[in-house]
Structure formats: C-alpha cells, structure tokens
Amino acid sequence: MFQISNLLLVADVSAKVANNSAVGMIGSFIAAALLIVIPATAFLIFVSQKDSFDRTSTGRR
C-alpha cells in the first residue's frame, strides 16, 4: 500500500482529479447496474416464474 501512495505523491495527482475519477467510476457502476444487471435480473426472474408455473400446470393434467 505504501508503494501506491508513494506513486500518487510522485505523480503529483491532485485531489480534484482523483475526486472526478472516483465520481466517474461510481457513475459507470450505476449505469451498468441500470442498463445490464437490473434488466437481466428481471428477465431471469420472469422466465423462472413462468417455467415454475408451466411445470405446476403440466403436472396437474
């Protein structure tokens, strides 16, 4: 950990640049969740529920 912090001090990274980078990274995580993870989860839950319903209705015939 000391090597990384020493690298940042030597590279003269400002707090503003680091803050902007962190905000951008968090924003991209949120965008990925909204665009990929949430729709995929909803689709998988829908398919799973539909399959479960089909199996129970088929078993009763």
PDB file of N, CA and C in Angstrom:
ATOM      1  N   MET A   1       0.829  -1.190   0.000  1.00  0.00           N
ATOM      2  CA  MET A   1       0.000   0.000   0.000  1.00  0.00           C
ATOM      3  C   MET A   1       0.870   1.249   0.000  1.00  0.00           C
ATOM      4  N   PHE A   2       1.994   1.182   0.671  1.00  0.00           N
ATOM      5  CA  PHE A   2       2.887   2.341   0.729  1.00  0.00           C
ATOM      6  C   PHE A   2       3.406   2.699  -0.652  1.00  0.00           C
ATOM      7  N   GLN A   3       3.661   1.698  -1.479  1.00  0.00           N
ATOM      8  CA  GLN A   3       4.180   1.959  -2.818  1.00  0.00           C
ATOM      9  C   GLN A   3       3.157   2.708  -3.676  1.00  0.00           C
ATOM     10  N   ILE A   4       1.900   2.353  -3.541  1.00  0.00           N
ATOM     11  CA  ILE A   4       0.858   3.021  -4.333  1.00  0.00           C
ATOM     12  C   ILE A   4       0.710   4.467  -3.902  1.00  0.00           C
ATOM     13  N   SER A   5       0.659   4.712  -2.594  1.00  0.00           N
ATOM     14  CA  SER A   5       0.516   6.096  -2.128  1.00  0.00           C
ATOM     15  C   SER A   5       1.752   6.906  -2.489  1.00  0.00           C
ATOM     16  N   ASN A   6       2.912   6.299  -2.455  1.00  0.00           N
ATOM     17  CA  ASN A   6       4.140   6.983  -2.844  1.00  0.00           C
ATOM     18  C   ASN A   6       4.108   7.318  -4.336  1.00  0.00           C
ATOM     19  N   LEU A   7       3.578   6.411  -5.146  1.00  0.00           N
ATOM     20  CA  LEU A   7       3.447   6.656  -6.576  1.00  0.00           C
ATOM     21  C   LEU A   7       2.528   7.845  -6.845  1.00  0.00           C
ATOM     22  N   LEU A   8       1.414   7.932  -6.107  1.00  0.00           N
ATOM     23  CA  LEU A   8       0.488   9.042  -6.297  1.00  0.00           C
ATOM     24  C   LEU A   8       1.138  10.370  -5.923  1.00  0.00           C
ATOM     25  N   LEU A   9       1.944  10.375  -4.884  1.00  0.00           N
ATOM     26  CA  LEU A   9       2.611  11.611  -4.475  1.00  0.00           C
ATOM     27  C   LEU A   9       3.654  12.029  -5.503  1.00  0.00           C
ATOM     28  N   VAL A  10       4.358  11.063  -6.042  1.00  0.00           N
ATOM     29  CA  VAL A  10       5.392  11.365  -7.034  1.00  0.00           C
ATOM     30  C   VAL A  10       4.750  11.844  -8.333  1.00  0.00           C
ATOM     31  N   ALA A  11       3.587  11.248  -8.698  1.00  0.00           N
ATOM     32  CA  ALA A  11       2.920  11.608  -9.937  1.00  0.00           C
ATOM     33  C   ALA A  11       2.216  12.955  -9.840  1.00  0.00           C
ATOM     34  N   ASP A  12       2.138  13.536  -8.651  1.00  0.00           N
ATOM     35  CA  ASP A  12       1.520  14.837  -8.419  1.00  0.00           C
ATOM     36  C   ASP A  12       0.056  14.837  -8.868  1.00  0.00           C
ATOM     37  N   VAL A  13      -0.698  13.824  -8.392  1.00  0.00           N
ATOM     38  CA  VAL A  13      -2.121  13.723  -8.695  1.00  0.00           C
ATOM     39  C   VAL A  13      -2.866  14.632  -7.733  1.00  0.00           C
ATOM     40  N   SER A  14      -3.669  15.531  -8.285  1.00  0.00           N
ATOM     41  CA  SER A  14      -4.412  16.455  -7.433  1.00  0.00           C
ATOM     42  C   SER A  14      -5.666  15.782  -6.883  1.00  0.00           C
ATOM     43  N   ALA A  15      -6.170  16.327  -5.809  1.00  0.00           N
ATOM     44  CA  ALA A  15      -7.376  15.778  -5.191  1.00  0.00           C
ATOM     45  C   ALA A  15      -8.579  15.958  -6.113  1.00  0.00           C
ATOM     46  N   LYS A  16      -8.603  17.037  -6.869  1.00  0.00           N
ATOM     47  CA  LYS A  16      -9.727  17.283  -7.777  1.00  0.00           C
ATOM     48  C   LYS A  16      -9.785  16.222  -8.869  1.00  0.00           C
ATOM     49  N   VAL A  17      -8.639  15.874  -9.426  1.00  0.00           N
ATOM     50  CA  VAL A  17      -8.595  14.848 -10.468  1.00  0.00           C
ATOM     51  C   VAL A  17      -8.998  13.496  -9.894  1.00  0.00           C
ATOM     52  N   ALA A  18      -8.508  13.178  -8.709  1.00  0.00           N
ATOM     53  CA  ALA A  18      -8.850  11.905  -8.076  1.00  0.00           C
ATOM     54  C   ALA A  18     -10.345  11.858  -7.759  1.00  0.00           C
ATOM     55  N   ASN A  19     -10.900  12.962  -7.310  1.00  0.00           N
ATOM     56  CA  ASN A  19     -12.323  13.020  -6.988  1.00  0.00           C
ATOM     57  C   ASN A  19     -13.164  12.835  -8.253  1.00  0.00           C
ATOM     58  N   ASN A  20     -12.797  13.506  -9.328  1.00  0.00           N
ATOM     59  CA  ASN A  20     -13.523  13.358 -10.582  1.00  0.00           C
ATOM     60  C   ASN A  20     -13.457  11.925 -11.099  1.00  0.00           C
ATOM     61  N   SER A  21     -12.327  11.300 -10.939  1.00  0.00           N
ATOM     62  CA  SER A  21     -12.175   9.917 -11.370  1.00  0.00           C
ATOM     63  C   SER A  21     -13.063   8.984 -10.546  1.00  0.00           C
ATOM     64  N   ALA A  22     -13.108   9.213  -9.255  1.00  0.00           N
ATOM     65  CA  ALA A  22     -13.946   8.382  -8.383  1.00  0.00           C
ATOM     66  C   ALA A  22     -15.424   8.565  -8.706  1.00  0.00           C
ATOM     67  N   VAL A  23     -15.841   9.788  -8.949  1.00  0.00           N
ATOM     68  CA  VAL A  23     -17.237  10.056  -9.303  1.00  0.00           C
ATOM     69  C   VAL A  23     -17.573   9.387 -10.632  1.00  0.00           C
ATOM     70  N   GLY A  24     -16.675   9.448 -11.589  1.00  0.00           N
ATOM     71  CA  GLY A  24     -16.899   8.786 -12.867  1.00  0.00           C
ATOM     72  C   GLY A  24     -16.999   7.279 -12.732  1.00  0.00           C
ATOM     73  N   MET A  25     -16.171   6.692 -11.891  1.00  0.00           N
ATOM     74  CA  MET A  25     -16.201   5.254 -11.682  1.00  0.00           C
ATOM     75  C   MET A  25     -17.521   4.838 -11.032  1.00  0.00           C
ATOM     76  N   ILE A  26     -17.950   5.568 -10.025  1.00  0.00           N
ATOM     77  CA  ILE A  26     -19.220   5.249  -9.363  1.00  0.00           C
ATOM     78  C   ILE A  26     -20.375   5.425 -10.336  1.00  0.00           C
ATOM     79  N   GLY A  27     -20.308   6.468 -11.150  1.00  0.00           N
ATOM     80  CA  GLY A  27     -21.343   6.678 -12.158  1.00  0.00           C
ATOM     81  C   GLY A  27     -21.412   5.541 -13.166  1.00  0.00           C
ATOM     82  N   SER A  28     -20.272   5.018 -13.556  1.00  0.00           N
ATOM     83  CA  SER A  28     -20.278   3.903 -14.508  1.00  0.00           C
ATOM     84  C   SER A  28     -20.808   2.625 -13.865  1.00  0.00           C
ATOM     85  N   PHE A  29     -20.558   2.427 -12.564  1.00  0.00           N
ATOM     86  CA  PHE A  29     -21.143   1.278 -11.866  1.00  0.00           C
ATOM     87  C   PHE A  29     -22.664   1.384 -11.833  1.00  0.00           C
ATOM     88  N   ILE A  30     -23.166   2.584 -11.561  1.00  0.00           N
ATOM     89  CA  ILE A  30     -24.617   2.783 -11.510  1.00  0.00           C
ATOM     90  C   ILE A  30     -25.221   2.590 -12.897  1.00  0.00           C
ATOM     91  N   ALA A  31     -24.562   3.120 -13.916  1.00  0.00           N
ATOM     92  CA  ALA A  31     -25.059   2.956 -15.286  1.00  0.00           C
ATOM     93  C   ALA A  31     -25.074   1.487 -15.691  1.00  0.00           C
ATOM     94  N   ALA A  32     -24.044   0.742 -15.318  1.00  0.00           N
ATOM     95  CA  ALA A  32     -24.000  -0.688 -15.642  1.00  0.00           C
ATOM     96  C   ALA A  32     -25.128  -1.428 -14.936  1.00  0.00           C
ATOM     97  N   ALA A  33     -25.400  -1.055 -13.695  1.00  0.00           N
ATOM     98  CA  ALA A  33     -26.497  -1.697 -12.967  1.00  0.00           C
ATOM     99  C   ALA A  33     -27.830  -1.409 -13.634  1.00  0.00           C
ATOM    100  N   LEU A  34     -28.027  -0.165 -14.047  1.00  0.00           N
ATOM    101  CA  LEU A  34     -29.302   0.206 -14.663  1.00  0.00           C
ATOM    102  C   LEU A  34     -29.478  -0.407 -16.047  1.00  0.00           C
ATOM    103  N   LEU A  35     -28.404  -0.492 -16.807  1.00  0.00           N
ATOM    104  CA  LEU A  35     -28.514  -0.959 -18.187  1.00  0.00           C
ATOM    105  C   LEU A  35     -28.388  -2.470 -18.355  1.00  0.00           C
ATOM    106  N   ILE A  36     -27.673  -3.132 -17.437  1.00  0.00           N
ATOM    107  CA  ILE A  36     -27.387  -4.556 -17.638  1.00  0.00           C
ATOM    108  C   ILE A  36     -27.940  -5.420 -16.507  1.00  0.00           C
ATOM    109  N   VAL A  37     -27.555  -5.137 -15.289  1.00  0.00           N
ATOM    110  CA  VAL A  37     -27.850  -6.041 -14.175  1.00  0.00           C
ATOM    111  C   VAL A  37     -29.342  -6.087 -13.862  1.00  0.00           C
ATOM    112  N   ILE A  38     -29.987  -4.939 -13.733  1.00  0.00           N
ATOM    113  CA  ILE A  38     -31.405  -4.920 -13.356  1.00  0.00           C
ATOM    114  C   ILE A  38     -32.289  -5.541 -14.439  1.00  0.00           C
ATOM    115  N   PRO A  39     -32.131  -5.180 -15.726  1.00  0.00           N
ATOM    116  CA  PRO A  39     -32.961  -5.851 -16.742  1.00  0.00           C
ATOM    117  C   PRO A  39     -32.702  -7.358 -16.839  1.00  0.00           C
ATOM    118  N   ALA A  40     -31.454  -7.760 -16.724  1.00  0.00           N
ATOM    119  CA  ALA A  40     -31.147  -9.195 -16.790  1.00  0.00           C
ATOM    120  C   ALA A  40     -31.762  -9.936 -15.613  1.00  0.00           C
ATOM    121  N   THR A  41     -31.709  -9.344 -14.435  1.00  0.00           N
ATOM    122  CA  THR A  41     -32.306  -9.966 -13.252  1.00  0.00           C
ATOM    123  C   THR A  41     -33.818 -10.076 -13.411  1.00  0.00           C
ATOM    124  N   ALA A  42     -34.436  -9.007 -13.883  1.00  0.00           N
ATOM    125  CA  ALA A  42     -35.885  -9.035 -14.082  1.00  0.00           C
ATOM    126  C   ALA A  42     -36.271 -10.107 -15.107  1.00  0.00           C
ATOM    127  N   PHE A  43     -35.523 -10.206 -16.188  1.00  0.00           N
ATOM    128  CA  PHE A  43     -35.806 -11.218 -17.204  1.00  0.00           C
ATOM    129  C   PHE A  43     -35.662 -12.629 -16.639  1.00  0.00           C
ATOM    130  N   LEU A  44     -34.593 -12.875 -15.888  1.00  0.00           N
ATOM    131  CA  LEU A  44     -34.391 -14.210 -15.319  1.00  0.00           C
ATOM    132  C   LEU A  44     -35.472 -14.570 -14.311  1.00  0.00           C
ATOM    133  N   ILE A  45     -35.902 -13.604 -13.509  1.00  0.00           N
ATOM    134  CA  ILE A  45     -36.981 -13.866 -12.558  1.00  0.00           C
ATOM    135  C   ILE A  45     -38.274 -14.174 -13.311  1.00  0.00           C
ATOM    136  N   PHE A  46     -38.562 -13.399 -14.375  1.00  0.00           N
ATOM    137  CA  PHE A  46     -39.765 -13.636 -15.175  1.00  0.00           C
ATOM    138  C   PHE A  46     -39.747 -15.037 -15.786  1.00  0.00           C
ATOM    139  N   VAL A  47     -38.643 -15.416 -16.391  1.00  0.00           N
ATOM    140  CA  VAL A  47     -38.542 -16.741 -17.022  1.00  0.00           C
ATOM    141  C   VAL A  47     -38.648 -17.839 -15.975  1.00  0.00           C
ATOM    142  N   SER A  48     -38.029 -17.644 -14.842  1.00  0.00           N
ATOM    143  CA  SER A  48     -38.084 -18.646 -13.780  1.00  0.00           C
ATOM    144  C   SER A  48     -39.506 -18.821 -13.261  1.00  0.00           C
ATOM    145  N   GLN A  49     -40.221 -17.723 -13.068  1.00  0.00           N
ATOM    146  CA  GLN A  49     -41.600 -17.807 -12.592  1.00  0.00           C
ATOM    147  C   GLN A  49     -42.500 -18.463 -13.649  1.00  0.00           C
ATOM    148  N   LYS A  50     -42.304 -18.133 -14.893  1.00  0.00           N
ATOM    149  CA  LYS A  50     -43.103 -18.714 -15.977  1.00  0.00           C
ATOM    150  C   LYS A  50     -42.847 -20.213 -16.077  1.00  0.00           C
ATOM    151  N   ASP A  51     -41.590 -20.621 -15.959  1.00  0.00           N
ATOM    152  CA  ASP A  51     -41.245 -22.041 -16.026  1.00  0.00           C
ATOM    153  C   ASP A  51     -41.851 -22.785 -14.839  1.00  0.00           C
ATOM    154  N   SER A  52     -41.808 -22.175 -13.676  1.00  0.00           N
ATOM    155  CA  SER A  52     -42.388 -22.805 -12.500  1.00  0.00           C
ATOM    156  C   SER A  52     -43.895 -22.973 -12.674  1.00  0.00           C
ATOM    157  N   PHE A  53     -44.551 -21.970 -13.223  1.00  0.00           N
ATOM    158  CA  PHE A  53     -45.989 -22.053 -13.472  1.00  0.00           C
ATOM    159  C   PHE A  53     -46.302 -23.136 -14.498  1.00  0.00           C
ATOM    160  N   ASP A  54     -45.503 -23.218 -15.556  1.00  0.00           N
ATOM    161  CA  ASP A  54     -45.714 -24.232 -16.591  1.00  0.00           C
ATOM    162  C   ASP A  54     -45.537 -25.637 -16.023  1.00  0.00           C
ATOM    163  N   ARG A  55     -44.548 -25.815 -15.164  1.00  0.00           N
ATOM    164  CA  ARG A  55     -44.328 -27.135 -14.581  1.00  0.00           C
ATOM    165  C   ARG A  55     -45.469 -27.548 -13.662  1.00  0.00           C
ATOM    166  N   THR A  56     -46.007 -26.611 -12.871  1.00  0.00           N
ATOM    167  CA  THR A  56     -47.097 -26.980 -11.959  1.00  0.00           C
ATOM    168  C   THR A  56     -48.392 -27.234 -12.724  1.00  0.00           C
ATOM    169  N   SER A  57     -48.647 -26.459 -13.794  1.00  0.00           N
ATOM    170  CA  SER A  57     -49.880 -26.679 -14.557  1.00  0.00           C
ATOM    171  C   SER A  57     -49.785 -27.955 -15.393  1.00  0.00           C
ATOM    172  N   THR A  58     -48.592 -28.304 -15.849  1.00  0.00           N
ATOM    173  CA  THR A  58     -48.415 -29.539 -16.611  1.00  0.00           C
ATOM    174  C   THR A  58     -48.552 -30.756 -15.709  1.00  0.00           C
ATOM    175  N   GLY A  59     -48.108 -30.649 -14.492  1.00  0.00           N
ATOM    176  CA  GLY A  59     -48.193 -31.764 -13.557  1.00  0.00           C
ATOM    177  C   GLY A  59     -49.600 -32.068 -13.143  1.00  0.00           C
ATOM    178  N   ARG A  60     -50.498 -31.116 -13.230  1.00  0.00           N
ATOM    179  CA  ARG A  60     -51.885 -31.328 -12.802  1.00  0.00           C
ATOM    180  C   ARG A  60     -52.753 -31.937 -13.890  1.00  0.00           C
ATOM    181  N   ARG A  61     -52.284 -31.999 -15.105  1.00  0.00           N
ATOM    182  CA  ARG A  61     -53.097 -32.548 -16.213  1.00  0.00           C
ATOM    183  C   ARG A  61     -53.304 -34.021 -16.100  1.00  0.00           C
TER     184      ARG A  61
END
